[in-house]
N, C-alpha and C. Protein backbone atom coordinates (compact mmCIF):
# COMPACT_ATOMS: atom_id res chain seq x y z
N MET A 1 86.83 120.90 57.86
CA MET A 1 86.48 121.83 58.94
C MET A 1 86.00 123.43 58.50
N ILE A 2 85.15 123.92 58.98
CA ILE A 2 84.64 125.24 58.95
C ILE A 2 85.40 126.47 59.64
N GLN A 3 85.97 127.17 58.92
CA GLN A 3 86.84 128.46 59.87
C GLN A 3 85.81 129.75 59.61
N ILE A 4 85.61 130.16 60.84
CA ILE A 4 84.84 131.36 60.72
C ILE A 4 85.86 132.41 61.35
N TYR A 5 85.73 133.89 60.90
CA TYR A 5 86.85 134.85 61.63
C TYR A 5 85.85 135.62 61.62
N THR A 6 85.80 135.98 63.39
CA THR A 6 84.70 137.14 63.74
C THR A 6 85.34 137.83 64.63
N THR A 7 84.25 138.85 64.92
CA THR A 7 85.19 139.62 66.37
C THR A 7 83.88 139.57 67.45
N PRO A 8 84.10 140.02 68.31
CA PRO A 8 82.79 139.72 69.68
C PRO A 8 81.74 140.76 69.30
N SER A 9 81.90 141.94 68.77
CA SER A 9 80.89 142.88 68.43
C SER A 9 80.01 142.80 67.47
N CYS A 10 80.27 141.98 66.47
CA CYS A 10 79.69 141.80 65.40
C CYS A 10 78.19 140.71 65.67
N SER A 11 77.46 141.54 65.04
CA SER A 11 76.11 140.86 65.03
C SER A 11 75.97 139.91 64.13
N SER A 12 76.53 140.03 62.70
CA SER A 12 76.53 139.23 61.61
C SER A 12 77.37 137.74 62.25
N CYS A 13 78.41 138.16 62.88
CA CYS A 13 79.38 137.06 63.44
C CYS A 13 78.39 136.06 64.05
N ARG A 14 77.52 136.66 65.37
CA ARG A 14 76.87 135.72 66.25
C ARG A 14 75.73 135.24 65.52
N LYS A 15 75.30 135.79 64.19
CA LYS A 15 74.05 135.22 63.71
C LYS A 15 74.81 133.92 62.72
N ALA A 16 75.67 133.99 62.16
CA ALA A 16 76.60 133.03 61.66
C ALA A 16 77.03 131.62 62.93
N LYS A 17 77.34 131.92 63.81
CA LYS A 17 77.75 131.03 64.89
C LYS A 17 76.39 130.30 65.46
N LYS A 18 75.17 131.41 65.36
CA LYS A 18 74.15 130.65 66.33
C LYS A 18 73.41 129.99 65.14
N TRP A 19 73.86 130.15 63.88
CA TRP A 19 72.88 129.11 62.48
C TRP A 19 73.92 127.92 62.47
N PHE A 20 75.20 127.95 62.56
CA PHE A 20 75.66 126.79 62.68
C PHE A 20 75.62 125.77 64.05
N ASP A 21 75.22 126.54 65.09
CA ASP A 21 74.87 126.02 66.09
C ASP A 21 73.48 125.19 66.21
N ASP A 22 72.50 125.80 65.47
CA ASP A 22 71.71 125.30 65.53
C ASP A 22 71.47 124.39 64.50
N HIS A 23 72.13 124.27 63.60
CA HIS A 23 72.34 123.15 62.82
C HIS A 23 73.17 122.06 62.96
N ARG A 24 74.07 122.02 64.14
CA ARG A 24 74.74 121.47 64.61
C ARG A 24 76.33 120.80 63.71
N ILE A 25 76.33 122.19 62.99
CA ILE A 25 77.55 122.15 62.36
C ILE A 25 78.77 122.66 62.88
N GLU A 26 79.68 121.62 63.03
CA GLU A 26 81.05 121.85 63.64
C GLU A 26 82.02 122.96 62.95
N TYR A 27 82.17 123.68 63.70
CA TYR A 27 83.34 125.20 63.11
C TYR A 27 84.36 125.44 63.94
N ARG A 28 85.61 126.00 63.25
CA ARG A 28 86.58 126.63 64.39
C ARG A 28 86.32 128.40 64.15
N GLU A 29 86.34 128.72 65.31
CA GLU A 29 86.26 130.27 65.32
C GLU A 29 87.30 130.90 65.44
N LYS A 30 88.03 131.87 65.06
CA LYS A 30 89.18 132.99 65.06
C LYS A 30 88.55 134.35 65.30
N ASN A 31 88.66 134.71 66.47
CA ASN A 31 88.13 136.24 67.00
C ASN A 31 90.14 136.89 66.61
N ILE A 32 89.44 137.76 65.50
CA ILE A 32 90.44 138.10 64.87
C ILE A 32 90.84 139.38 65.85
N PHE A 33 90.39 139.76 66.94
CA PHE A 33 90.85 140.93 67.88
C PHE A 33 92.00 140.10 69.01
N ASN A 34 91.44 139.01 69.05
CA ASN A 34 92.11 138.27 70.35
C ASN A 34 93.17 136.99 69.81
N ILE A 35 93.41 136.54 68.38
CA ILE A 35 94.22 135.89 67.97
C ILE A 35 94.47 136.41 66.93
N LYS A 36 95.88 136.65 66.90
CA LYS A 36 96.51 137.70 65.61
C LYS A 36 96.37 136.66 64.27
N LEU A 37 95.82 137.35 62.94
CA LEU A 37 96.22 136.95 61.90
C LEU A 37 97.24 136.52 61.14
N THR A 38 97.64 135.59 60.52
CA THR A 38 98.91 135.22 59.82
C THR A 38 98.68 135.42 58.55
N ARG A 39 100.19 135.36 57.76
CA ARG A 39 99.70 135.40 56.23
C ARG A 39 98.96 134.13 55.91
N ASP A 40 98.93 133.19 56.43
CA ASP A 40 98.09 131.90 55.94
C ASP A 40 96.86 132.00 55.91
N ASP A 41 96.35 132.95 57.27
CA ASP A 41 94.93 133.21 57.23
C ASP A 41 94.44 133.89 56.05
N ILE A 42 95.28 135.03 55.70
CA ILE A 42 95.02 136.01 54.39
C ILE A 42 95.29 135.49 53.19
N VAL A 43 96.26 134.44 53.11
CA VAL A 43 96.14 133.83 51.41
C VAL A 43 95.10 132.84 51.51
N LEU A 44 94.75 132.17 52.61
CA LEU A 44 93.52 131.55 52.75
C LEU A 44 92.11 132.05 51.90
N MET A 45 92.11 133.13 52.44
CA MET A 45 90.76 133.99 51.97
C MET A 45 90.99 134.33 51.14
N LEU A 46 91.98 135.07 50.47
CA LEU A 46 92.32 135.46 49.35
C LEU A 46 92.17 134.13 47.91
N LYS A 47 92.57 133.06 48.17
CA LYS A 47 92.14 132.11 47.51
C LYS A 47 91.25 131.81 47.34
N ASN A 48 89.95 131.82 48.07
CA ASN A 48 88.35 131.86 48.16
C ASN A 48 87.85 133.16 47.47
N THR A 49 88.52 133.96 47.16
CA THR A 49 87.72 135.53 46.34
C THR A 49 87.58 135.20 45.11
N GLU A 50 86.83 136.25 44.70
CA GLU A 50 86.77 136.25 43.06
C GLU A 50 87.47 137.80 42.97
N SER A 51 87.63 138.56 43.76
CA SER A 51 88.04 139.87 43.84
C SER A 51 89.09 140.43 44.73
N GLY A 52 89.63 139.61 44.93
CA GLY A 52 91.05 139.48 45.75
C GLY A 52 90.40 140.15 47.15
N PHE A 53 91.66 141.37 47.27
CA PHE A 53 91.45 142.11 48.61
C PHE A 53 90.04 143.14 48.80
N ASP A 54 89.44 143.26 47.44
CA ASP A 54 88.31 144.05 47.65
C ASP A 54 87.24 143.30 48.39
N ASP A 55 87.05 141.74 47.84
CA ASP A 55 86.20 140.90 48.71
C ASP A 55 85.78 141.00 49.98
N ILE A 56 87.56 141.12 50.92
CA ILE A 56 87.68 140.74 52.32
C ILE A 56 87.85 142.32 53.14
N ILE A 57 88.05 143.09 52.46
CA ILE A 57 88.34 144.70 53.17
C ILE A 57 87.43 145.49 53.06
N SER A 58 87.00 145.92 54.51
CA SER A 58 86.03 147.28 54.28
C SER A 58 86.71 148.67 54.21
N THR A 59 86.60 149.39 52.99
CA THR A 59 87.54 150.35 52.82
C THR A 59 86.60 151.63 53.45
N ARG A 60 85.41 151.42 54.13
CA ARG A 60 84.56 152.29 54.53
C ARG A 60 85.26 152.21 56.33
N SER A 61 85.92 151.23 56.66
CA SER A 61 86.63 151.04 58.05
C SER A 61 87.40 152.37 58.33
N LYS A 62 87.11 152.55 59.56
CA LYS A 62 87.41 154.00 60.32
C LYS A 62 89.06 153.76 59.88
N VAL A 63 89.75 153.02 60.51
CA VAL A 63 91.41 153.10 60.16
C VAL A 63 91.73 152.96 58.54
N PHE A 64 91.03 152.60 57.56
CA PHE A 64 91.28 152.44 56.32
C PHE A 64 90.98 153.67 56.03
N GLN A 65 89.77 154.67 56.34
CA GLN A 65 89.94 155.73 56.08
C GLN A 65 90.80 157.23 56.74
N GLU A 66 90.64 156.88 58.00
CA GLU A 66 92.50 157.72 58.55
C GLU A 66 93.20 157.75 58.04
N LYS A 67 93.91 156.46 57.21
CA LYS A 67 95.02 156.42 56.62
C LYS A 67 95.18 156.67 55.40
N ASN A 68 93.67 157.05 54.88
CA ASN A 68 93.88 157.31 53.32
C ASN A 68 94.45 156.41 52.61
N LEU A 69 93.97 155.30 52.62
CA LEU A 69 94.84 154.24 51.84
C LEU A 69 94.44 154.17 50.45
N ASN A 70 94.70 153.92 48.98
CA ASN A 70 94.12 153.25 48.32
C ASN A 70 94.96 151.93 47.63
N MET A 71 94.49 150.96 47.64
CA MET A 71 94.39 149.42 47.77
C MET A 71 95.23 149.56 46.47
N ASP A 72 94.69 149.99 45.43
CA ASP A 72 95.27 149.61 43.72
C ASP A 72 96.91 150.24 43.81
N GLU A 73 97.28 151.02 44.93
CA GLU A 73 98.75 151.51 44.90
C GLU A 73 99.10 150.86 45.85
N MET A 74 99.04 149.60 46.56
CA MET A 74 99.59 148.95 47.58
C MET A 74 99.84 147.65 47.05
N SER A 75 101.02 147.16 47.33
CA SER A 75 101.65 145.79 47.03
C SER A 75 100.51 144.84 47.88
N MET A 76 100.78 143.36 47.18
CA MET A 76 100.44 142.19 47.93
C MET A 76 100.87 142.20 49.63
N ARG A 77 102.13 142.10 49.61
CA ARG A 77 102.64 142.37 50.76
C ARG A 77 102.44 143.22 51.41
N ASP A 78 102.29 144.69 51.29
CA ASP A 78 101.53 145.76 52.17
C ASP A 78 100.28 145.73 52.57
N LEU A 79 99.49 145.19 51.66
CA LEU A 79 98.17 144.85 52.06
C LEU A 79 97.83 143.75 53.06
N THR A 80 98.58 142.75 52.73
CA THR A 80 98.42 141.73 54.01
C THR A 80 99.08 142.32 55.22
N ASN A 81 100.30 143.12 55.46
CA ASN A 81 100.91 143.22 56.53
C ASN A 81 99.75 144.29 57.00
N PHE A 82 99.28 145.03 56.51
CA PHE A 82 98.16 146.29 56.96
C PHE A 82 97.09 145.63 57.31
N ILE A 83 96.47 144.38 56.91
CA ILE A 83 95.41 143.71 57.24
C ILE A 83 95.98 143.12 58.81
N ILE A 84 97.01 142.47 58.78
CA ILE A 84 97.69 141.62 59.90
C ILE A 84 97.85 142.81 61.14
N GLU A 85 98.04 143.72 60.79
CA GLU A 85 98.22 144.81 62.07
C GLU A 85 97.04 145.45 62.38
N ASN A 86 96.07 145.50 61.60
CA ASN A 86 94.60 146.36 61.48
C ASN A 86 93.27 145.39 60.77
N PRO A 87 93.29 144.42 61.70
CA PRO A 87 92.17 143.17 61.46
C PRO A 87 90.84 143.77 61.17
N SER A 88 90.73 145.22 62.02
CA SER A 88 89.20 145.73 62.13
C SER A 88 89.21 145.88 60.45
N VAL A 89 89.65 145.79 59.51
CA VAL A 89 89.70 146.41 58.14
C VAL A 89 88.85 145.23 57.38
N LEU A 90 88.68 144.03 57.89
CA LEU A 90 88.27 142.90 57.16
C LEU A 90 86.61 143.17 57.66
N ARG A 91 86.11 142.70 56.31
CA ARG A 91 84.31 142.48 56.67
C ARG A 91 84.50 141.11 57.58
N ARG A 92 83.03 141.27 57.98
CA ARG A 92 83.09 139.99 59.13
C ARG A 92 81.45 139.63 59.16
N PRO A 93 81.31 138.43 59.33
CA PRO A 93 82.51 137.45 59.46
C PRO A 93 82.82 136.91 58.08
N ILE A 94 84.05 136.16 57.99
CA ILE A 94 84.56 135.35 56.57
C ILE A 94 84.17 133.90 57.27
N ILE A 95 83.59 133.30 56.30
CA ILE A 95 83.33 131.98 56.47
C ILE A 95 84.21 130.98 55.47
N ILE A 96 84.68 129.88 55.74
CA ILE A 96 85.67 129.23 54.75
C ILE A 96 85.56 127.96 54.70
N GLU A 97 85.19 127.06 54.11
CA GLU A 97 85.29 125.73 54.04
C GLU A 97 85.98 125.18 52.82
N ASN A 98 86.89 124.70 52.38
CA ASN A 98 87.52 123.99 51.43
C ASN A 98 87.71 125.25 50.41
N ALA A 99 86.99 125.30 49.31
CA ALA A 99 86.84 126.07 48.30
C ALA A 99 85.77 127.02 48.32
N LYS A 100 84.56 126.98 49.37
CA LYS A 100 83.41 127.89 49.52
C LYS A 100 83.83 128.62 50.48
N MET A 101 83.46 129.81 50.19
CA MET A 101 83.59 131.28 50.92
C MET A 101 82.27 132.08 51.04
N GLN A 102 82.06 132.48 52.38
CA GLN A 102 81.19 133.90 52.90
C GLN A 102 81.48 135.01 53.07
N VAL A 103 81.31 135.96 52.95
CA VAL A 103 81.98 137.33 53.73
C VAL A 103 80.66 137.63 53.74
N GLY A 104 80.46 137.90 55.55
CA GLY A 104 79.30 138.63 56.20
C GLY A 104 78.24 137.68 56.07
N TYR A 105 77.00 137.70 56.71
CA TYR A 105 76.29 136.68 56.77
C TYR A 105 74.96 137.06 55.84
N ASN A 106 74.50 136.11 55.34
CA ASN A 106 73.49 135.61 54.50
C ASN A 106 72.49 134.37 54.78
N GLU A 107 71.50 134.28 55.04
CA GLU A 107 70.88 133.36 55.91
C GLU A 107 70.58 132.31 53.96
N ASP A 108 70.31 132.61 52.96
CA ASP A 108 70.44 131.65 52.07
C ASP A 108 71.44 131.40 51.34
N GLU A 109 72.39 132.35 51.69
CA GLU A 109 74.08 131.86 51.23
C GLU A 109 74.72 130.85 52.19
N ILE A 110 74.33 130.77 53.61
CA ILE A 110 75.09 129.94 54.47
C ILE A 110 74.77 128.53 54.15
N ARG A 111 73.83 128.48 53.69
CA ARG A 111 73.24 127.40 53.54
C ARG A 111 74.18 126.20 52.36
N THR A 112 75.22 127.06 51.98
CA THR A 112 76.12 126.14 51.18
C THR A 112 76.93 125.13 51.91
N PHE A 113 76.82 125.71 53.30
CA PHE A 113 77.94 124.78 54.31
C PHE A 113 76.68 123.77 54.67
N ILE A 114 75.92 123.32 54.38
CA ILE A 114 74.86 122.30 54.76
C ILE A 114 75.75 121.09 54.44
N PRO A 115 76.10 120.36 55.85
CA PRO A 115 76.68 119.09 55.23
C PRO A 115 75.66 118.32 53.97
N ARG A 116 76.62 117.41 53.35
CA ARG A 116 76.23 116.49 52.15
C ARG A 116 74.99 115.36 52.51
N ARG A 117 74.80 115.03 54.01
CA ARG A 117 74.00 114.28 54.36
C ARG A 117 72.81 114.71 54.90
N LEU A 118 72.59 115.90 55.28
CA LEU A 118 71.47 117.08 55.18
C LEU A 118 71.16 117.44 54.25
N ARG A 119 71.71 117.46 53.08
CA ARG A 119 71.42 118.16 51.91
C ARG A 119 70.64 116.81 51.00
N GLU A 120 71.33 115.52 51.12
CA GLU A 120 70.26 114.32 50.53
C GLU A 120 69.26 114.24 51.03
N ILE A 121 68.93 114.55 52.49
CA ILE A 121 67.38 114.45 53.16
C ILE A 121 66.66 115.73 52.37
N ILE A 122 67.21 116.86 52.44
CA ILE A 122 66.37 117.86 52.00
C ILE A 122 65.98 117.64 50.56
N MET A 123 66.85 116.96 49.96
CA MET A 123 66.40 116.85 48.55
C MET A 123 65.48 115.30 48.10
N CYS A 124 65.48 114.83 49.44
CA CYS A 124 64.51 113.40 49.20
C CYS A 124 65.52 112.39 48.55
N THR A 125 66.99 112.47 48.52
CA THR A 125 67.63 111.56 47.44
C THR A 125 67.76 110.07 48.22
N THR A 126 67.67 110.24 49.31
CA THR A 126 67.83 108.81 50.18
C THR A 126 66.25 108.18 51.28
N CYS A 127 65.55 109.26 51.50
CA CYS A 127 64.52 108.83 52.04
C CYS A 127 63.13 107.86 51.53
N ASP A 128 62.61 107.60 52.52
CA ASP A 128 61.45 106.50 52.18
C ASP A 128 60.70 107.13 51.80
N LYS A 129 59.72 107.04 50.74
CA LYS A 129 58.67 107.10 50.24
C LYS A 129 57.62 107.68 51.30
N GLY A 130 57.08 108.84 51.17
CA GLY A 130 56.26 109.28 51.99
C GLY A 130 56.45 110.33 52.94
N HIS A 131 58.04 110.28 53.25
CA HIS A 131 58.30 111.37 54.13
C HIS A 131 58.26 112.49 53.22
N ASP A 132 57.50 113.79 54.18
CA ASP A 132 57.68 115.28 53.76
C ASP A 132 58.92 115.65 54.02
N CYS A 133 59.74 115.98 53.06
CA CYS A 133 61.19 116.70 53.19
C CYS A 133 61.21 117.97 53.08
N ASP A 134 60.03 118.75 53.74
CA ASP A 134 60.29 120.25 54.26
C ASP A 134 61.43 120.36 54.79
N TYR A 135 62.11 121.68 55.11
CA TYR A 135 63.25 121.64 55.35
C TYR A 135 63.46 121.50 56.90
N LYS A 136 62.47 121.44 57.80
CA LYS A 136 62.13 121.49 59.38
C LYS A 136 61.94 120.16 59.71
N ASN A 137 61.27 119.29 58.70
CA ASN A 137 61.73 117.74 58.93
C ASN A 137 63.13 117.05 58.44
N ALA A 138 63.26 117.56 57.38
CA ALA A 138 65.06 117.23 56.98
C ALA A 138 65.67 117.28 58.22
N LEU A 139 65.75 118.30 58.90
CA LEU A 139 66.57 118.88 60.05
C LEU A 139 66.33 117.91 60.89
N ASP A 140 64.77 117.21 61.44
CA ASP A 140 64.63 116.50 62.41
C ASP A 140 65.29 115.19 62.45
N ILE A 141 65.19 114.59 60.84
CA ILE A 141 65.69 113.64 60.33
C ILE A 141 67.28 113.45 60.45
N TYR A 142 67.99 114.52 60.50
CA TYR A 142 69.29 114.54 60.21
C TYR A 142 69.71 114.61 61.69
N PHE A 143 68.82 115.36 62.32
CA PHE A 143 69.48 115.38 64.28
C PHE A 143 69.04 114.28 64.99
N ARG A 144 68.28 113.22 64.19
CA ARG A 144 67.84 112.10 64.95
C ARG A 144 68.92 111.27 64.59
N GLU A 145 69.54 111.21 63.30
CA GLU A 145 70.70 110.20 62.74
C GLU A 145 71.92 110.84 63.72
N LEU A 146 72.08 112.04 63.82
CA LEU A 146 73.13 112.35 64.52
C LEU A 146 73.13 111.97 66.10
N GLN A 147 71.86 112.35 66.75
CA GLN A 147 72.02 111.25 67.87
C GLN A 147 72.15 109.85 67.88
N GLU A 148 71.62 109.33 66.72
CA GLU A 148 72.01 107.73 67.00
C GLU A 148 73.47 107.73 66.91
N ARG A 149 74.28 108.25 66.03
CA ARG A 149 75.64 108.16 65.68
C ARG A 149 76.21 108.38 67.16
N GLU A 150 76.00 109.39 67.78
CA GLU A 150 77.08 109.62 68.84
C GLU A 150 76.38 108.37 69.91
N GLU A 151 75.20 108.13 70.17
CA GLU A 151 74.97 107.10 71.07
C GLU A 151 75.61 106.03 70.74
N LYS A 152 75.65 105.50 69.60
CA LYS A 152 76.63 104.38 68.95
C LYS A 152 78.00 104.59 69.51
N GLN A 153 78.45 105.83 69.13
CA GLN A 153 80.00 105.99 69.59
C GLN A 153 80.26 105.62 70.93
N LEU A 154 79.17 106.18 72.33
CA LEU A 154 79.34 106.24 73.52
C LEU A 154 79.02 104.92 73.95
N HIS A 155 78.37 103.93 73.10
CA HIS A 155 78.20 102.86 73.47
C HIS A 155 79.72 101.95 72.97
N SER A 156 80.19 102.12 72.30
CA SER A 156 81.27 101.49 71.41
C SER A 156 82.95 101.83 72.17
N ASN A 157 82.87 102.84 72.96
CA ASN A 157 83.80 103.18 73.96
C ASN A 157 83.77 102.39 75.20
């Protein structure tokens, strides 16, 4: 399941959620101002970074600047505690699924979260010959399949 760390006033967060909603991709949202971050949240983020804390912390954030902090001089424990107490220092949104992570919203990069079946349709690996597999047509095919699956589940219950 895709996990998105967001804040209410973040326009990039709204864009990411809209993209997932438009593509009917399920996700769990964690508003970092309403639900306190845990060490496990931070570890999950760090596990998927290339440059550790540098990838997830905005050193230009107001609280980071006010405290005049140097990340290189802080221990992992201190940085983790600082993030938990000051979640506004995180870049947003942070989107994670298994080993995939995206920080911020990027229209091209977010496509890495497209489900396997939709990728198959886009790449024309399973469609009948003659289908035009442009992205919009692929979405239409995928959404039709989702609708049929939902209807089957409804009738079987």
